[in-house]
N, C-alpha and C. Protein backbone atom coordinates (compact mmCIF):
# COMPACT_ATOMS: atom_id res chain seq x y z
N MET A 1 -5.48 2.28 21.39
CA MET A 1 -4.89 2.50 20.08
C MET A 1 -4.49 1.15 19.50
N PRO A 2 -4.85 0.85 18.24
CA PRO A 2 -4.47 -0.44 17.64
C PRO A 2 -2.96 -0.56 17.47
N ASP A 3 -2.53 -1.80 17.29
CA ASP A 3 -1.12 -2.06 17.04
C ASP A 3 -0.70 -1.41 15.73
N PRO A 4 0.62 -1.13 15.60
CA PRO A 4 1.10 -0.59 14.33
C PRO A 4 0.78 -1.55 13.18
N LEU A 5 0.66 -0.99 12.00
CA LEU A 5 0.33 -1.80 10.83
C LEU A 5 1.46 -2.76 10.49
N PRO A 6 1.12 -4.02 10.22
CA PRO A 6 2.15 -4.93 9.72
C PRO A 6 2.50 -4.56 8.29
N GLY A 7 3.48 -5.20 7.73
CA GLY A 7 3.92 -4.90 6.36
C GLY A 7 2.93 -5.36 5.32
N ASP A 8 3.19 -6.51 4.73
CA ASP A 8 2.36 -7.01 3.64
C ASP A 8 1.18 -7.82 4.15
N LEU A 9 0.07 -7.68 3.44
CA LEU A 9 -1.05 -8.59 3.63
C LEU A 9 -1.12 -9.40 2.35
N HIS A 10 -0.92 -10.69 2.45
CA HIS A 10 -0.96 -11.57 1.28
C HIS A 10 -2.39 -12.04 1.05
N VAL A 11 -2.90 -11.76 -0.12
CA VAL A 11 -4.27 -12.13 -0.47
C VAL A 11 -4.29 -13.63 -0.73
N ARG A 12 -4.96 -14.38 0.17
CA ARG A 12 -4.97 -15.84 0.05
C ARG A 12 -6.32 -16.48 0.34
N THR A 13 -7.11 -15.86 1.20
CA THR A 13 -8.33 -16.52 1.66
C THR A 13 -9.51 -16.18 0.75
N PRO A 14 -10.53 -17.04 0.74
CA PRO A 14 -11.74 -16.71 -0.03
C PRO A 14 -12.35 -15.38 0.39
N ALA A 15 -12.29 -15.05 1.69
CA ALA A 15 -12.83 -13.77 2.16
C ALA A 15 -12.06 -12.60 1.56
N HIS A 16 -10.74 -12.73 1.45
CA HIS A 16 -9.93 -11.67 0.81
C HIS A 16 -10.37 -11.49 -0.64
N PHE A 17 -10.44 -12.61 -1.37
CA PHE A 17 -10.79 -12.53 -2.78
C PHE A 17 -12.18 -11.92 -2.98
N LYS A 18 -13.14 -12.33 -2.14
CA LYS A 18 -14.49 -11.79 -2.25
C LYS A 18 -14.47 -10.28 -1.98
N ALA A 19 -13.78 -9.88 -0.92
CA ALA A 19 -13.75 -8.46 -0.56
C ALA A 19 -13.07 -7.62 -1.64
N LEU A 20 -12.07 -8.17 -2.28
CA LEU A 20 -11.30 -7.41 -3.27
C LEU A 20 -11.88 -7.48 -4.68
N ALA A 21 -12.99 -8.18 -4.84
CA ALA A 21 -13.60 -8.33 -6.16
C ALA A 21 -14.41 -7.11 -6.59
N HIS A 22 -14.54 -6.12 -5.72
CA HIS A 22 -15.32 -4.93 -6.05
C HIS A 22 -14.40 -3.71 -6.12
N PRO A 23 -14.40 -2.97 -7.23
CA PRO A 23 -13.49 -1.82 -7.37
C PRO A 23 -13.67 -0.75 -6.29
N PHE A 24 -14.90 -0.55 -5.80
CA PHE A 24 -15.10 0.49 -4.78
C PHE A 24 -14.34 0.15 -3.50
N ARG A 25 -14.22 -1.12 -3.21
CA ARG A 25 -13.49 -1.51 -1.99
C ARG A 25 -12.00 -1.18 -2.13
N HIS A 26 -11.48 -1.28 -3.34
CA HIS A 26 -10.10 -0.85 -3.57
C HIS A 26 -9.97 0.65 -3.35
N ARG A 27 -10.95 1.40 -3.82
CA ARG A 27 -10.93 2.85 -3.62
C ARG A 27 -10.94 3.18 -2.13
N LEU A 28 -11.73 2.44 -1.36
CA LEU A 28 -11.74 2.64 0.09
C LEU A 28 -10.37 2.34 0.69
N LEU A 29 -9.77 1.23 0.27
CA LEU A 29 -8.45 0.88 0.79
C LEU A 29 -7.41 1.93 0.41
N PHE A 30 -7.50 2.46 -0.82
CA PHE A 30 -6.57 3.52 -1.23
C PHE A 30 -6.77 4.74 -0.33
N ALA A 31 -8.02 5.12 -0.09
CA ALA A 31 -8.31 6.29 0.74
C ALA A 31 -7.80 6.08 2.17
N LEU A 32 -7.98 4.89 2.70
CA LEU A 32 -7.51 4.61 4.06
C LEU A 32 -5.99 4.53 4.14
N GLY A 33 -5.33 4.44 3.00
CA GLY A 33 -3.87 4.48 2.99
C GLY A 33 -3.33 5.82 3.47
N ALA A 34 -4.15 6.87 3.40
CA ALA A 34 -3.74 8.19 3.87
C ALA A 34 -3.83 8.29 5.39
N GLY A 35 -4.52 7.35 6.02
CA GLY A 35 -4.67 7.36 7.47
C GLY A 35 -6.10 7.03 7.87
N PRO A 36 -6.33 6.85 9.16
CA PRO A 36 -7.67 6.51 9.65
C PRO A 36 -8.70 7.57 9.25
N ALA A 37 -9.92 7.11 9.01
CA ALA A 37 -11.00 8.01 8.61
C ALA A 37 -12.34 7.45 9.06
N THR A 38 -13.31 8.34 9.18
CA THR A 38 -14.67 7.95 9.54
C THR A 38 -15.45 7.65 8.26
N ILE A 39 -16.62 7.05 8.44
CA ILE A 39 -17.50 6.79 7.30
C ILE A 39 -17.86 8.10 6.60
N SER A 40 -18.16 9.14 7.37
CA SER A 40 -18.52 10.44 6.78
C SER A 40 -17.36 11.02 5.99
N GLN A 41 -16.15 10.94 6.53
CA GLN A 41 -14.98 11.47 5.82
C GLN A 41 -14.73 10.70 4.53
N LEU A 42 -14.84 9.38 4.60
CA LEU A 42 -14.64 8.56 3.40
C LEU A 42 -15.71 8.85 2.36
N ALA A 43 -16.97 8.96 2.80
CA ALA A 43 -18.07 9.24 1.86
C ALA A 43 -17.84 10.58 1.16
N ALA A 44 -17.45 11.60 1.91
CA ALA A 44 -17.21 12.92 1.31
C ALA A 44 -16.03 12.86 0.35
N GLY A 45 -14.96 12.20 0.75
CA GLY A 45 -13.77 12.14 -0.08
C GLY A 45 -13.94 11.33 -1.35
N LEU A 46 -14.80 10.33 -1.30
CA LEU A 46 -15.00 9.46 -2.46
C LEU A 46 -16.25 9.80 -3.26
N GLY A 47 -17.02 10.77 -2.77
CA GLY A 47 -18.24 11.15 -3.47
C GLY A 47 -19.27 10.03 -3.47
N ALA A 48 -19.40 9.34 -2.34
CA ALA A 48 -20.31 8.20 -2.24
C ALA A 48 -21.26 8.40 -1.06
N ALA A 49 -22.35 7.66 -1.07
CA ALA A 49 -23.30 7.71 0.04
C ALA A 49 -22.71 7.01 1.26
N LYS A 50 -23.05 7.51 2.45
CA LYS A 50 -22.54 6.90 3.68
C LYS A 50 -22.94 5.43 3.79
N GLY A 51 -24.15 5.09 3.36
CA GLY A 51 -24.60 3.70 3.42
C GLY A 51 -23.74 2.79 2.54
N THR A 52 -23.36 3.30 1.38
CA THR A 52 -22.48 2.52 0.48
C THR A 52 -21.14 2.29 1.14
N VAL A 53 -20.57 3.36 1.71
CA VAL A 53 -19.27 3.24 2.38
C VAL A 53 -19.37 2.28 3.55
N ALA A 54 -20.43 2.40 4.36
CA ALA A 54 -20.59 1.53 5.53
C ALA A 54 -20.68 0.06 5.11
N HIS A 55 -21.44 -0.21 4.06
CA HIS A 55 -21.58 -1.60 3.59
C HIS A 55 -20.23 -2.17 3.16
N HIS A 56 -19.50 -1.43 2.33
CA HIS A 56 -18.23 -1.95 1.83
C HIS A 56 -17.17 -2.01 2.92
N LEU A 57 -17.20 -1.08 3.88
CA LEU A 57 -16.28 -1.17 5.02
C LEU A 57 -16.55 -2.42 5.84
N LYS A 58 -17.82 -2.77 5.99
CA LYS A 58 -18.17 -3.98 6.74
C LYS A 58 -17.58 -5.22 6.06
N VAL A 59 -17.69 -5.30 4.74
CA VAL A 59 -17.13 -6.44 4.00
C VAL A 59 -15.61 -6.49 4.19
N LEU A 60 -14.96 -5.33 4.07
CA LEU A 60 -13.50 -5.27 4.23
C LEU A 60 -13.07 -5.63 5.65
N THR A 61 -13.86 -5.19 6.63
CA THR A 61 -13.54 -5.50 8.03
C THR A 61 -13.71 -6.99 8.30
N GLU A 62 -14.79 -7.58 7.81
CA GLU A 62 -15.01 -9.02 8.00
C GLU A 62 -13.93 -9.86 7.34
N ALA A 63 -13.32 -9.33 6.28
CA ALA A 63 -12.24 -10.05 5.58
C ALA A 63 -10.89 -9.80 6.23
N GLY A 64 -10.85 -8.91 7.23
CA GLY A 64 -9.58 -8.62 7.91
C GLY A 64 -8.71 -7.60 7.20
N LEU A 65 -9.27 -6.88 6.23
CA LEU A 65 -8.50 -5.89 5.48
C LEU A 65 -8.58 -4.49 6.10
N VAL A 66 -9.61 -4.26 6.91
CA VAL A 66 -9.81 -2.99 7.61
C VAL A 66 -10.10 -3.33 9.06
N ARG A 67 -9.72 -2.43 9.95
CA ARG A 67 -9.98 -2.64 11.38
C ARG A 67 -10.36 -1.30 12.02
N PRO A 68 -11.05 -1.36 13.16
CA PRO A 68 -11.34 -0.11 13.88
C PRO A 68 -10.02 0.50 14.35
N ALA A 69 -9.90 1.82 14.23
CA ALA A 69 -8.67 2.48 14.66
C ALA A 69 -8.85 3.10 16.04
N HIS A 70 -9.69 4.09 16.15
CA HIS A 70 -9.94 4.74 17.42
C HIS A 70 -11.29 5.45 17.33
N THR A 71 -11.74 5.96 18.45
CA THR A 71 -12.99 6.73 18.48
C THR A 71 -12.68 8.13 18.96
N ARG A 72 -13.62 9.03 18.67
CA ARG A 72 -13.48 10.41 19.12
C ARG A 72 -14.87 10.91 19.51
N GLN A 73 -14.95 11.50 20.69
CA GLN A 73 -16.22 12.05 21.16
C GLN A 73 -16.48 13.38 20.47
N VAL A 74 -17.65 13.49 19.88
CA VAL A 74 -18.08 14.74 19.25
C VAL A 74 -19.46 15.07 19.77
N ARG A 75 -19.88 16.31 19.54
CA ARG A 75 -21.21 16.68 20.01
C ARG A 75 -22.23 15.78 19.33
N GLY A 76 -23.01 15.11 20.11
CA GLY A 76 -24.05 14.26 19.56
C GLY A 76 -23.65 12.81 19.35
N GLY A 77 -22.44 12.42 19.74
CA GLY A 77 -22.09 11.02 19.57
C GLY A 77 -20.61 10.74 19.57
N THR A 78 -20.30 9.57 19.05
CA THR A 78 -18.92 9.10 18.99
C THR A 78 -18.58 8.78 17.55
N GLU A 79 -17.47 9.31 17.06
CA GLU A 79 -17.00 9.00 15.72
C GLU A 79 -16.09 7.78 15.78
N GLN A 80 -16.33 6.81 14.90
CA GLN A 80 -15.48 5.62 14.81
C GLN A 80 -14.57 5.79 13.61
N TYR A 81 -13.28 5.70 13.85
CA TYR A 81 -12.31 5.77 12.76
C TYR A 81 -11.92 4.36 12.34
N HIS A 82 -11.66 4.20 11.06
CA HIS A 82 -11.27 2.91 10.48
C HIS A 82 -9.92 3.07 9.82
N GLU A 83 -9.14 1.97 9.79
CA GLU A 83 -7.84 2.00 9.12
C GLU A 83 -7.59 0.66 8.45
N ARG A 84 -6.66 0.68 7.49
CA ARG A 84 -6.25 -0.58 6.85
C ARG A 84 -5.51 -1.42 7.88
N SER A 85 -5.55 -2.72 7.71
CA SER A 85 -4.86 -3.62 8.63
C SER A 85 -3.50 -4.04 8.09
N PHE A 86 -3.02 -3.35 7.08
CA PHE A 86 -1.76 -3.70 6.43
C PHE A 86 -1.14 -2.43 5.84
N ARG A 87 0.14 -2.51 5.54
CA ARG A 87 0.81 -1.40 4.87
C ARG A 87 0.78 -1.57 3.36
N ARG A 88 1.06 -2.79 2.91
CA ARG A 88 1.08 -3.08 1.48
C ARG A 88 0.24 -4.32 1.22
N LEU A 89 -0.43 -4.31 0.08
CA LEU A 89 -1.25 -5.45 -0.34
C LEU A 89 -0.46 -6.24 -1.36
N ALA A 90 -0.20 -7.50 -1.04
CA ALA A 90 0.52 -8.39 -1.96
C ALA A 90 -0.50 -9.27 -2.65
N GLY A 91 -0.51 -9.22 -3.97
CA GLY A 91 -1.51 -9.89 -4.77
C GLY A 91 -1.60 -11.38 -4.55
N GLY A 92 -2.80 -11.86 -4.71
CA GLY A 92 -3.04 -13.29 -4.57
C GLY A 92 -2.95 -13.98 -5.91
N GLU A 93 -2.85 -15.26 -5.84
CA GLU A 93 -2.79 -16.06 -7.06
C GLU A 93 -4.13 -16.75 -7.28
N GLY A 94 -4.55 -16.77 -8.52
CA GLY A 94 -5.70 -17.59 -8.84
C GLY A 94 -7.05 -16.94 -8.79
N ASP A 95 -7.16 -15.63 -8.60
CA ASP A 95 -8.47 -15.01 -8.60
C ASP A 95 -8.48 -13.86 -9.60
N ALA A 96 -8.90 -14.16 -10.80
CA ALA A 96 -8.89 -13.17 -11.88
C ALA A 96 -9.82 -12.00 -11.59
N GLU A 97 -10.95 -12.26 -10.93
CA GLU A 97 -11.91 -11.19 -10.64
C GLU A 97 -11.31 -10.16 -9.69
N ALA A 98 -10.63 -10.62 -8.63
CA ALA A 98 -10.01 -9.69 -7.68
C ALA A 98 -8.88 -8.92 -8.35
N THR A 99 -8.10 -9.59 -9.19
CA THR A 99 -7.02 -8.91 -9.91
C THR A 99 -7.59 -7.85 -10.84
N ALA A 100 -8.64 -8.18 -11.57
CA ALA A 100 -9.27 -7.22 -12.48
C ALA A 100 -9.83 -6.03 -11.71
N ALA A 101 -10.42 -6.27 -10.54
CA ALA A 101 -10.95 -5.17 -9.73
C ALA A 101 -9.83 -4.25 -9.27
N LEU A 102 -8.72 -4.83 -8.84
CA LEU A 102 -7.57 -4.02 -8.41
C LEU A 102 -7.06 -3.17 -9.57
N LEU A 103 -6.86 -3.79 -10.72
CA LEU A 103 -6.36 -3.05 -11.88
C LEU A 103 -7.34 -1.97 -12.33
N GLY A 104 -8.63 -2.25 -12.23
CA GLY A 104 -9.64 -1.25 -12.57
C GLY A 104 -9.59 -0.06 -11.63
N ALA A 105 -9.44 -0.32 -10.34
CA ALA A 105 -9.35 0.77 -9.36
C ALA A 105 -8.08 1.58 -9.57
N VAL A 106 -6.97 0.90 -9.86
CA VAL A 106 -5.72 1.62 -10.14
C VAL A 106 -5.87 2.46 -11.40
N ALA A 107 -6.52 1.92 -12.42
CA ALA A 107 -6.72 2.66 -13.67
C ALA A 107 -7.52 3.94 -13.42
N GLU A 108 -8.53 3.87 -12.55
CA GLU A 108 -9.32 5.07 -12.21
C GLU A 108 -8.43 6.14 -11.60
N GLU A 109 -7.49 5.74 -10.73
CA GLU A 109 -6.58 6.70 -10.12
C GLU A 109 -5.56 7.21 -11.14
N LEU A 110 -5.05 6.31 -11.95
CA LEU A 110 -3.98 6.63 -12.89
C LEU A 110 -4.40 7.71 -13.89
N VAL A 111 -5.62 7.64 -14.38
CA VAL A 111 -6.06 8.60 -15.39
C VAL A 111 -6.24 10.01 -14.82
N THR A 112 -6.29 10.15 -13.50
CA THR A 112 -6.43 11.48 -12.91
C THR A 112 -5.08 12.17 -12.72
N ASP A 113 -3.98 11.44 -12.86
CA ASP A 113 -2.64 12.02 -12.71
C ASP A 113 -2.25 12.69 -14.02
N PRO A 114 -1.86 13.97 -13.98
CA PRO A 114 -1.50 14.65 -15.23
C PRO A 114 -0.18 14.15 -15.84
N ASP A 115 0.65 13.48 -15.07
CA ASP A 115 1.95 13.03 -15.58
C ASP A 115 2.32 11.66 -14.99
N PRO A 116 1.53 10.63 -15.30
CA PRO A 116 1.84 9.32 -14.70
C PRO A 116 3.04 8.66 -15.38
N LEU A 117 3.68 7.79 -14.66
CA LEU A 117 4.74 6.95 -15.21
C LEU A 117 4.13 5.57 -15.43
N LEU A 118 4.09 5.14 -16.66
CA LEU A 118 3.50 3.85 -16.98
C LEU A 118 4.28 3.23 -18.12
N HIS A 119 4.85 2.09 -17.87
CA HIS A 119 5.61 1.36 -18.90
C HIS A 119 5.12 -0.08 -18.94
N LEU A 120 5.05 -0.63 -20.13
CA LEU A 120 4.75 -2.05 -20.30
C LEU A 120 5.80 -2.59 -21.26
N ARG A 121 6.44 -3.64 -20.84
CA ARG A 121 7.45 -4.27 -21.68
C ARG A 121 7.32 -5.77 -21.54
N HIS A 122 7.43 -6.46 -22.65
CA HIS A 122 7.41 -7.92 -22.63
C HIS A 122 8.83 -8.41 -22.89
N LEU A 123 9.30 -9.29 -22.04
CA LEU A 123 10.67 -9.81 -22.11
C LEU A 123 10.65 -11.33 -22.18
N ARG A 124 11.64 -11.88 -22.82
CA ARG A 124 11.87 -13.33 -22.75
C ARG A 124 12.86 -13.55 -21.62
N LEU A 125 12.43 -14.30 -20.61
CA LEU A 125 13.26 -14.52 -19.43
C LEU A 125 13.35 -16.00 -19.10
N THR A 126 14.50 -16.41 -18.62
CA THR A 126 14.62 -17.75 -18.07
C THR A 126 13.93 -17.74 -16.71
N PRO A 127 13.61 -18.90 -16.16
CA PRO A 127 13.04 -18.91 -14.81
C PRO A 127 13.94 -18.21 -13.79
N GLU A 128 15.23 -18.36 -13.92
CA GLU A 128 16.17 -17.72 -12.99
C GLU A 128 16.13 -16.20 -13.14
N GLN A 129 16.09 -15.71 -14.39
CA GLN A 129 16.01 -14.27 -14.62
C GLN A 129 14.70 -13.71 -14.07
N ALA A 130 13.62 -14.41 -14.30
CA ALA A 130 12.31 -13.97 -13.80
C ALA A 130 12.33 -13.90 -12.28
N HIS A 131 12.93 -14.89 -11.63
CA HIS A 131 13.01 -14.90 -10.17
C HIS A 131 13.84 -13.72 -9.67
N ARG A 132 14.98 -13.45 -10.32
CA ARG A 132 15.83 -12.33 -9.93
C ARG A 132 15.10 -11.00 -10.10
N LEU A 133 14.41 -10.83 -11.23
CA LEU A 133 13.67 -9.60 -11.47
C LEU A 133 12.57 -9.42 -10.43
N ARG A 134 11.86 -10.49 -10.14
CA ARG A 134 10.80 -10.43 -9.13
C ARG A 134 11.36 -10.00 -7.78
N SER A 135 12.47 -10.61 -7.38
CA SER A 135 13.10 -10.27 -6.09
C SER A 135 13.54 -8.81 -6.06
N THR A 136 14.11 -8.33 -7.16
CA THR A 136 14.55 -6.94 -7.25
C THR A 136 13.38 -5.98 -7.12
N LEU A 137 12.29 -6.26 -7.83
CA LEU A 137 11.11 -5.40 -7.77
C LEU A 137 10.50 -5.40 -6.37
N GLU A 138 10.39 -6.57 -5.75
CA GLU A 138 9.84 -6.66 -4.40
C GLU A 138 10.69 -5.86 -3.42
N GLU A 139 12.01 -5.96 -3.55
CA GLU A 139 12.92 -5.23 -2.67
C GLU A 139 12.80 -3.72 -2.87
N LEU A 140 12.70 -3.30 -4.12
CA LEU A 140 12.57 -1.88 -4.43
C LEU A 140 11.32 -1.29 -3.77
N VAL A 141 10.20 -1.97 -3.87
CA VAL A 141 8.96 -1.49 -3.27
C VAL A 141 9.05 -1.53 -1.74
N ALA A 142 9.60 -2.60 -1.20
CA ALA A 142 9.70 -2.74 0.26
C ALA A 142 10.60 -1.67 0.87
N ASP A 143 11.64 -1.27 0.15
CA ASP A 143 12.62 -0.33 0.70
C ASP A 143 12.29 1.14 0.43
N ALA A 144 11.23 1.42 -0.31
CA ALA A 144 10.88 2.82 -0.60
C ALA A 144 10.47 3.52 0.70
N ASP A 145 11.07 4.66 0.96
CA ASP A 145 10.78 5.43 2.18
C ASP A 145 9.64 6.41 1.93
N GLU A 146 8.77 6.54 2.93
CA GLU A 146 7.70 7.52 2.86
C GLU A 146 8.21 8.85 3.39
N ALA A 147 7.77 9.96 2.77
CA ALA A 147 8.18 11.29 3.18
C ALA A 147 7.46 11.74 4.45
N GLY A 148 6.28 11.23 4.70
CA GLY A 148 5.56 11.59 5.91
C GLY A 148 4.32 12.41 5.61
N PRO A 149 3.58 12.76 6.67
CA PRO A 149 2.33 13.51 6.52
C PRO A 149 2.57 14.85 5.83
N GLY A 150 1.57 15.29 5.09
CA GLY A 150 1.65 16.57 4.42
C GLY A 150 2.22 16.50 3.02
N GLN A 151 2.82 15.39 2.67
CA GLN A 151 3.39 15.23 1.33
C GLN A 151 2.39 14.51 0.44
N PRO A 152 2.44 14.75 -0.87
CA PRO A 152 1.50 14.06 -1.77
C PRO A 152 1.69 12.55 -1.72
N ARG A 153 0.59 11.83 -1.87
CA ARG A 153 0.65 10.37 -1.90
C ARG A 153 0.82 9.91 -3.35
N HIS A 154 1.61 8.89 -3.53
CA HIS A 154 1.85 8.33 -4.86
C HIS A 154 1.51 6.84 -4.81
N GLY A 155 0.92 6.35 -5.86
CA GLY A 155 0.65 4.92 -5.96
C GLY A 155 1.79 4.23 -6.69
N VAL A 156 2.15 3.06 -6.22
CA VAL A 156 3.17 2.25 -6.87
C VAL A 156 2.55 0.89 -7.15
N LEU A 157 2.45 0.55 -8.41
CA LEU A 157 1.92 -0.75 -8.81
C LEU A 157 3.04 -1.49 -9.52
N VAL A 158 3.38 -2.64 -9.03
CA VAL A 158 4.44 -3.45 -9.63
C VAL A 158 3.85 -4.79 -10.00
N ALA A 159 4.10 -5.22 -11.22
CA ALA A 159 3.59 -6.51 -11.67
C ALA A 159 4.64 -7.21 -12.51
N LEU A 160 4.75 -8.48 -12.32
CA LEU A 160 5.55 -9.34 -13.19
C LEU A 160 4.69 -10.56 -13.43
N TYR A 161 4.39 -10.82 -14.67
CA TYR A 161 3.50 -11.93 -14.99
C TYR A 161 3.98 -12.62 -16.25
N ARG A 162 3.63 -13.86 -16.36
CA ARG A 162 3.98 -14.61 -17.56
C ARG A 162 2.83 -14.52 -18.53
N ARG A 163 3.12 -14.15 -19.74
CA ARG A 163 2.09 -14.00 -20.76
C ARG A 163 1.39 -15.33 -20.99
N GLY A 164 0.11 -15.25 -21.30
CA GLY A 164 -0.67 -16.46 -21.50
C GLY A 164 -0.42 -17.17 -22.80
N ALA A 165 0.08 -16.45 -23.80
CA ALA A 165 0.31 -17.06 -25.11
C ALA A 165 1.51 -17.99 -25.04
N PRO A 166 1.48 -19.09 -25.77
CA PRO A 166 2.63 -19.99 -25.76
C PRO A 166 3.85 -19.32 -26.38
N ALA A 167 5.01 -19.73 -25.92
CA ALA A 167 6.25 -19.17 -26.44
C ALA A 167 6.39 -19.51 -27.92
N THR A 168 6.80 -18.53 -28.70
CA THR A 168 7.03 -18.78 -30.12
C THR A 168 8.48 -19.15 -30.33
N PRO A 169 8.74 -20.09 -31.21
CA PRO A 169 10.13 -20.49 -31.42
C PRO A 169 10.92 -19.35 -32.06
N PRO A 170 12.21 -19.24 -31.72
CA PRO A 170 13.03 -18.18 -32.32
C PRO A 170 13.15 -18.40 -33.82
N GLU A 171 13.28 -17.31 -34.55
CA GLU A 171 13.38 -17.39 -36.01
C GLU A 171 14.81 -17.54 -36.45
């Protein structure tokens, strides 16, 4: 049995960025968040071909984002289960393609929820205020307790970013 999942996986390496640049790989990671699964289970759950799932799982495994979980003997062979190698994915800096893929995959999930919570607000913050807000948000996500198996899964996406437009002088 593999070791328990560590907490955050910080996206930093070129292999991470490459693996996360495809929206389907995010969908696989979301699906594996429910627990270990086989290629057949993932393909059925995601409505994809087994070959597609196998290819993308290989990329995620080579990047260290997915790992073998356990095997199970079944009639005619052995089933290999796969699991995420982390509990939470902490975004990387500097890779717009991977960020866009993550947001695209989240958007696909978000539109299927009949009552999503989604807020966007732009604030003027000092560096100290931004740091405090970031710390508060990170703590809130880290301290959220899971209800356990059998309960519905919810996605939590937290972002704090500085707008690209230059600051406008106060009027």
